[in-house]
Amino acid sequence: MAKKETTINLRPLDDRVVVEPLEAEEKTAGGLYLPDSAQEKPQRGTVIAVGVGKLLDNGNRSEISVAVGDEVIYGKYSGSDVEVNGREIKILRESDILAKVVK
């Protein structure tokens, strides 16, 4: 199986983050296989690009607390689903990210 390319030619603006969702679970804990229609959309993904930060009132930019390669958890209906080069990605604001997964 070929390894997926981790870079993408997108530069998100301001405090936006580009996330590639993880694959949906195909099998339950009990070993039953789920059809595509029954699989839940994942709420977890890997950050593949980050913006420069939100522009503050004083003219400075705030730092973004996630970096490329971080695994994050985001809200179920957060962001916009976009297809780029045949890959499904999500573009969301940094505030839509609920947590960073620490390994």
N, C-alpha and C. Protein backbone atom coordinates (compact mmCIF):
# COMPACT_ATOMS: atom_id res chain seq x y z
N MET A 1 0.85 -1.17 0.00
CA MET A 1 0.00 0.00 0.00
C MET A 1 0.89 1.23 0.00
N ALA A 2 0.64 2.18 -0.89
CA ALA A 2 1.46 3.38 -1.00
C ALA A 2 1.18 4.33 0.15
N LYS A 3 2.22 4.99 0.59
CA LYS A 3 2.09 5.94 1.68
C LYS A 3 1.47 7.23 1.13
N LYS A 4 0.53 7.82 1.88
CA LYS A 4 -0.11 9.04 1.45
C LYS A 4 0.85 10.21 1.55
N GLU A 5 0.75 11.12 0.61
CA GLU A 5 1.55 12.33 0.65
C GLU A 5 1.02 13.20 1.78
N THR A 6 1.90 13.72 2.63
CA THR A 6 1.46 14.49 3.77
C THR A 6 1.40 15.98 3.51
N THR A 7 2.01 16.48 2.44
CA THR A 7 1.95 17.90 2.14
C THR A 7 0.88 18.17 1.10
N ILE A 8 0.37 19.38 1.13
CA ILE A 8 -0.67 19.77 0.20
C ILE A 8 -0.42 21.23 -0.15
N ASN A 9 -0.73 21.62 -1.36
CA ASN A 9 -0.45 22.97 -1.81
C ASN A 9 -1.57 23.93 -1.43
N LEU A 10 -1.76 24.12 -0.15
CA LEU A 10 -2.74 25.07 0.38
C LEU A 10 -2.06 25.90 1.46
N ARG A 11 -2.41 27.16 1.51
CA ARG A 11 -1.93 28.02 2.60
C ARG A 11 -3.17 28.63 3.25
N PRO A 12 -3.60 28.10 4.39
CA PRO A 12 -4.80 28.63 5.04
C PRO A 12 -4.55 30.07 5.53
N LEU A 13 -5.59 30.86 5.54
CA LEU A 13 -5.50 32.25 5.96
C LEU A 13 -5.78 32.39 7.45
N ASP A 14 -5.19 33.43 8.03
CA ASP A 14 -5.40 33.82 9.42
C ASP A 14 -5.31 32.63 10.39
N ASP A 15 -6.39 32.37 11.15
CA ASP A 15 -6.34 31.32 12.18
C ASP A 15 -6.96 30.02 11.70
N ARG A 16 -6.95 29.78 10.41
CA ARG A 16 -7.52 28.54 9.89
C ARG A 16 -6.49 27.42 9.86
N VAL A 17 -7.00 26.20 9.96
CA VAL A 17 -6.16 25.00 10.01
C VAL A 17 -6.73 23.99 9.01
N VAL A 18 -5.86 23.33 8.25
CA VAL A 18 -6.28 22.29 7.31
C VAL A 18 -6.01 20.94 7.97
N VAL A 19 -7.04 20.10 8.06
CA VAL A 19 -6.95 18.81 8.75
C VAL A 19 -7.38 17.72 7.79
N GLU A 20 -6.62 16.62 7.78
CA GLU A 20 -7.03 15.43 7.03
C GLU A 20 -7.67 14.46 8.01
N PRO A 21 -8.99 14.23 7.89
CA PRO A 21 -9.67 13.33 8.83
C PRO A 21 -9.12 11.91 8.76
N LEU A 22 -9.12 11.23 9.90
CA LEU A 22 -8.73 9.83 9.94
C LEU A 22 -9.83 9.00 9.29
N GLU A 23 -9.50 7.79 8.91
CA GLU A 23 -10.48 6.89 8.29
C GLU A 23 -11.56 6.50 9.29
N ALA A 24 -12.79 6.36 8.81
CA ALA A 24 -13.90 5.93 9.65
C ALA A 24 -13.71 4.46 10.03
N GLU A 25 -14.19 4.11 11.21
CA GLU A 25 -14.11 2.72 11.66
C GLU A 25 -15.00 1.84 10.80
N GLU A 26 -14.43 0.75 10.29
CA GLU A 26 -15.20 -0.16 9.45
C GLU A 26 -15.75 -1.35 10.23
N LYS A 27 -15.27 -1.52 11.45
CA LYS A 27 -15.65 -2.69 12.23
C LYS A 27 -15.96 -2.24 13.65
N THR A 28 -16.98 -2.82 14.27
CA THR A 28 -17.32 -2.51 15.65
C THR A 28 -16.38 -3.24 16.59
N ALA A 29 -16.47 -2.90 17.87
CA ALA A 29 -15.65 -3.57 18.88
C ALA A 29 -15.97 -5.07 18.94
N GLY A 30 -17.20 -5.44 18.61
CA GLY A 30 -17.61 -6.83 18.62
C GLY A 30 -17.22 -7.60 17.37
N GLY A 31 -16.63 -6.92 16.39
CA GLY A 31 -16.17 -7.59 15.19
C GLY A 31 -17.11 -7.53 14.00
N LEU A 32 -18.22 -6.79 14.13
CA LEU A 32 -19.16 -6.68 13.02
C LEU A 32 -18.70 -5.61 12.05
N TYR A 33 -18.81 -5.86 10.76
CA TYR A 33 -18.43 -4.89 9.75
C TYR A 33 -19.60 -3.94 9.48
N LEU A 34 -19.29 -2.65 9.39
CA LEU A 34 -20.31 -1.64 9.17
C LEU A 34 -20.36 -1.24 7.70
N PRO A 35 -21.56 -1.11 7.13
CA PRO A 35 -21.65 -0.59 5.75
C PRO A 35 -21.30 0.90 5.75
N ASP A 36 -20.96 1.43 4.58
CA ASP A 36 -20.57 2.84 4.48
C ASP A 36 -21.62 3.77 5.05
N SER A 37 -22.90 3.46 4.86
CA SER A 37 -23.97 4.33 5.32
C SER A 37 -24.07 4.38 6.85
N ALA A 38 -23.55 3.38 7.55
CA ALA A 38 -23.65 3.33 9.01
C ALA A 38 -22.39 3.86 9.70
N GLN A 39 -21.34 4.12 8.93
CA GLN A 39 -20.10 4.60 9.53
C GLN A 39 -20.23 6.07 9.90
N GLU A 40 -19.79 6.42 11.10
CA GLU A 40 -19.83 7.81 11.54
C GLU A 40 -18.65 8.57 10.98
N LYS A 41 -18.86 9.85 10.70
CA LYS A 41 -17.77 10.69 10.25
C LYS A 41 -16.77 10.84 11.39
N PRO A 42 -15.49 10.70 11.11
CA PRO A 42 -14.51 10.83 12.19
C PRO A 42 -14.44 12.27 12.69
N GLN A 43 -14.14 12.43 13.97
CA GLN A 43 -13.96 13.75 14.58
C GLN A 43 -12.50 13.95 14.95
N ARG A 44 -11.64 13.19 14.32
CA ARG A 44 -10.22 13.21 14.62
C ARG A 44 -9.46 13.29 13.31
N GLY A 45 -8.34 14.00 13.33
CA GLY A 45 -7.57 14.10 12.11
C GLY A 45 -6.17 14.61 12.36
N THR A 46 -5.38 14.69 11.28
CA THR A 46 -4.00 15.14 11.35
C THR A 46 -3.90 16.49 10.67
N VAL A 47 -3.23 17.43 11.35
CA VAL A 47 -3.04 18.78 10.81
C VAL A 47 -2.03 18.70 9.68
N ILE A 48 -2.40 19.23 8.49
CA ILE A 48 -1.48 19.21 7.36
C ILE A 48 -1.05 20.61 6.94
N ALA A 49 -1.71 21.66 7.45
CA ALA A 49 -1.29 23.04 7.17
C ALA A 49 -1.93 23.97 8.20
N VAL A 50 -1.23 25.04 8.57
CA VAL A 50 -1.76 26.03 9.51
C VAL A 50 -1.56 27.44 8.94
N GLY A 51 -2.46 28.34 9.32
CA GLY A 51 -2.35 29.74 8.90
C GLY A 51 -1.34 30.48 9.75
N VAL A 52 -1.25 31.79 9.52
CA VAL A 52 -0.26 32.62 10.22
C VAL A 52 -0.74 33.11 11.57
N GLY A 53 -2.00 32.98 11.87
CA GLY A 53 -2.55 33.42 13.15
C GLY A 53 -3.54 34.55 12.96
N LYS A 54 -4.42 34.72 13.92
CA LYS A 54 -5.46 35.73 13.85
C LYS A 54 -4.85 37.12 14.04
N LEU A 55 -5.30 38.08 13.26
CA LEU A 55 -4.83 39.45 13.37
C LEU A 55 -5.54 40.12 14.55
N LEU A 56 -4.75 40.57 15.53
CA LEU A 56 -5.30 41.21 16.72
C LEU A 56 -5.53 42.70 16.48
N ASP A 57 -6.24 43.35 17.39
CA ASP A 57 -6.54 44.77 17.26
C ASP A 57 -5.29 45.64 17.24
N ASN A 58 -4.23 45.21 17.92
CA ASN A 58 -2.99 46.01 17.97
C ASN A 58 -2.09 45.80 16.75
N GLY A 59 -2.53 44.99 15.78
CA GLY A 59 -1.76 44.78 14.56
C GLY A 59 -0.85 43.56 14.59
N ASN A 60 -0.68 42.94 15.75
CA ASN A 60 0.12 41.72 15.86
C ASN A 60 -0.73 40.51 15.53
N ARG A 61 -0.08 39.37 15.33
CA ARG A 61 -0.80 38.13 15.07
C ARG A 61 -0.65 37.20 16.28
N SER A 62 -1.72 36.51 16.63
CA SER A 62 -1.67 35.55 17.73
C SER A 62 -1.01 34.26 17.23
N GLU A 63 -0.40 33.53 18.14
CA GLU A 63 0.22 32.25 17.78
C GLU A 63 -0.84 31.17 17.69
N ILE A 64 -0.63 30.25 16.76
CA ILE A 64 -1.53 29.10 16.65
C ILE A 64 -0.97 27.98 17.52
N SER A 65 -1.84 27.33 18.29
CA SER A 65 -1.38 26.35 19.27
C SER A 65 -1.23 24.93 18.71
N VAL A 66 -1.48 24.73 17.43
CA VAL A 66 -1.25 23.42 16.80
C VAL A 66 -0.22 23.58 15.70
N ALA A 67 0.45 22.48 15.37
CA ALA A 67 1.47 22.50 14.32
C ALA A 67 1.20 21.38 13.33
N VAL A 68 1.82 21.46 12.18
CA VAL A 68 1.70 20.41 11.17
C VAL A 68 2.14 19.08 11.77
N GLY A 69 1.33 18.05 11.58
CA GLY A 69 1.64 16.72 12.10
C GLY A 69 0.91 16.38 13.39
N ASP A 70 0.34 17.39 14.07
CA ASP A 70 -0.40 17.14 15.31
C ASP A 70 -1.71 16.41 14.99
N GLU A 71 -2.11 15.51 15.89
CA GLU A 71 -3.41 14.86 15.77
C GLU A 71 -4.37 15.62 16.65
N VAL A 72 -5.53 16.01 16.10
CA VAL A 72 -6.48 16.84 16.83
C VAL A 72 -7.87 16.24 16.81
N ILE A 73 -8.70 16.69 17.75
CA ILE A 73 -10.11 16.33 17.82
C ILE A 73 -10.89 17.61 17.60
N TYR A 74 -11.88 17.56 16.70
CA TYR A 74 -12.66 18.75 16.38
C TYR A 74 -14.14 18.45 16.51
N GLY A 75 -14.96 19.50 16.52
CA GLY A 75 -16.40 19.35 16.65
C GLY A 75 -17.01 18.61 15.47
N LYS A 76 -18.12 17.94 15.72
CA LYS A 76 -18.75 17.07 14.73
C LYS A 76 -19.16 17.83 13.46
N TYR A 77 -19.68 19.03 13.59
CA TYR A 77 -20.15 19.78 12.44
C TYR A 77 -19.28 21.01 12.18
N SER A 78 -18.04 20.97 12.60
CA SER A 78 -17.12 22.10 12.45
C SER A 78 -16.51 22.16 11.06
N GLY A 79 -16.17 23.35 10.63
CA GLY A 79 -15.39 23.54 9.43
C GLY A 79 -16.11 23.22 8.13
N SER A 80 -15.33 23.25 7.06
CA SER A 80 -15.84 22.99 5.72
C SER A 80 -15.12 21.79 5.13
N ASP A 81 -15.88 20.88 4.54
CA ASP A 81 -15.31 19.71 3.86
C ASP A 81 -14.98 20.11 2.43
N VAL A 82 -13.74 19.85 2.01
CA VAL A 82 -13.28 20.22 0.68
C VAL A 82 -12.50 19.05 0.10
N GLU A 83 -12.56 18.88 -1.23
CA GLU A 83 -11.75 17.87 -1.89
C GLU A 83 -10.67 18.57 -2.70
N VAL A 84 -9.40 18.23 -2.43
CA VAL A 84 -8.26 18.81 -3.14
C VAL A 84 -7.38 17.66 -3.62
N ASN A 85 -7.11 17.61 -4.91
CA ASN A 85 -6.29 16.56 -5.50
C ASN A 85 -6.79 15.16 -5.15
N GLY A 86 -8.10 14.99 -5.07
CA GLY A 86 -8.69 13.69 -4.77
C GLY A 86 -8.67 13.32 -3.30
N ARG A 87 -8.24 14.22 -2.43
CA ARG A 87 -8.20 13.96 -0.99
C ARG A 87 -9.28 14.77 -0.28
N GLU A 88 -10.01 14.12 0.61
CA GLU A 88 -11.01 14.82 1.42
C GLU A 88 -10.29 15.48 2.59
N ILE A 89 -10.44 16.80 2.72
CA ILE A 89 -9.83 17.52 3.84
C ILE A 89 -10.87 18.40 4.48
N LYS A 90 -10.53 18.93 5.64
CA LYS A 90 -11.40 19.82 6.38
C LYS A 90 -10.63 21.11 6.65
N ILE A 91 -11.27 22.25 6.43
CA ILE A 91 -10.68 23.53 6.78
C ILE A 91 -11.50 24.10 7.91
N LEU A 92 -10.84 24.33 9.06
CA LEU A 92 -11.54 24.85 10.22
C LEU A 92 -10.76 25.96 10.90
N ARG A 93 -11.45 26.72 11.70
CA ARG A 93 -10.79 27.74 12.50
C ARG A 93 -10.13 27.06 13.69
N GLU A 94 -9.10 27.71 14.20
CA GLU A 94 -8.41 27.13 15.36
C GLU A 94 -9.38 26.95 16.53
N SER A 95 -10.35 27.84 16.67
CA SER A 95 -11.30 27.74 17.78
C SER A 95 -12.23 26.54 17.65
N ASP A 96 -12.34 25.94 16.46
CA ASP A 96 -13.16 24.74 16.26
C ASP A 96 -12.45 23.48 16.74
N ILE A 97 -11.15 23.57 16.99
CA ILE A 97 -10.39 22.41 17.47
C ILE A 97 -10.61 22.30 18.98
N LEU A 98 -11.06 21.14 19.40
CA LEU A 98 -11.39 20.92 20.81
C LEU A 98 -10.19 20.48 21.64
N ALA A 99 -9.31 19.67 21.05
CA ALA A 99 -8.18 19.14 21.80
C ALA A 99 -7.08 18.65 20.86
N LYS A 100 -5.87 18.60 21.39
CA LYS A 100 -4.74 18.03 20.69
C LYS A 100 -4.44 16.70 21.37
N VAL A 101 -4.30 15.64 20.58
CA VAL A 101 -4.03 14.30 21.12
C VAL A 101 -2.56 14.22 21.50
N VAL A 102 -2.29 13.88 22.76
CA VAL A 102 -0.93 13.74 23.25
C VAL A 102 -0.60 12.26 23.33
N LYS A 103 0.50 11.87 22.69
CA LYS A 103 0.85 10.45 22.66
C LYS A 103 2.00 10.16 23.60
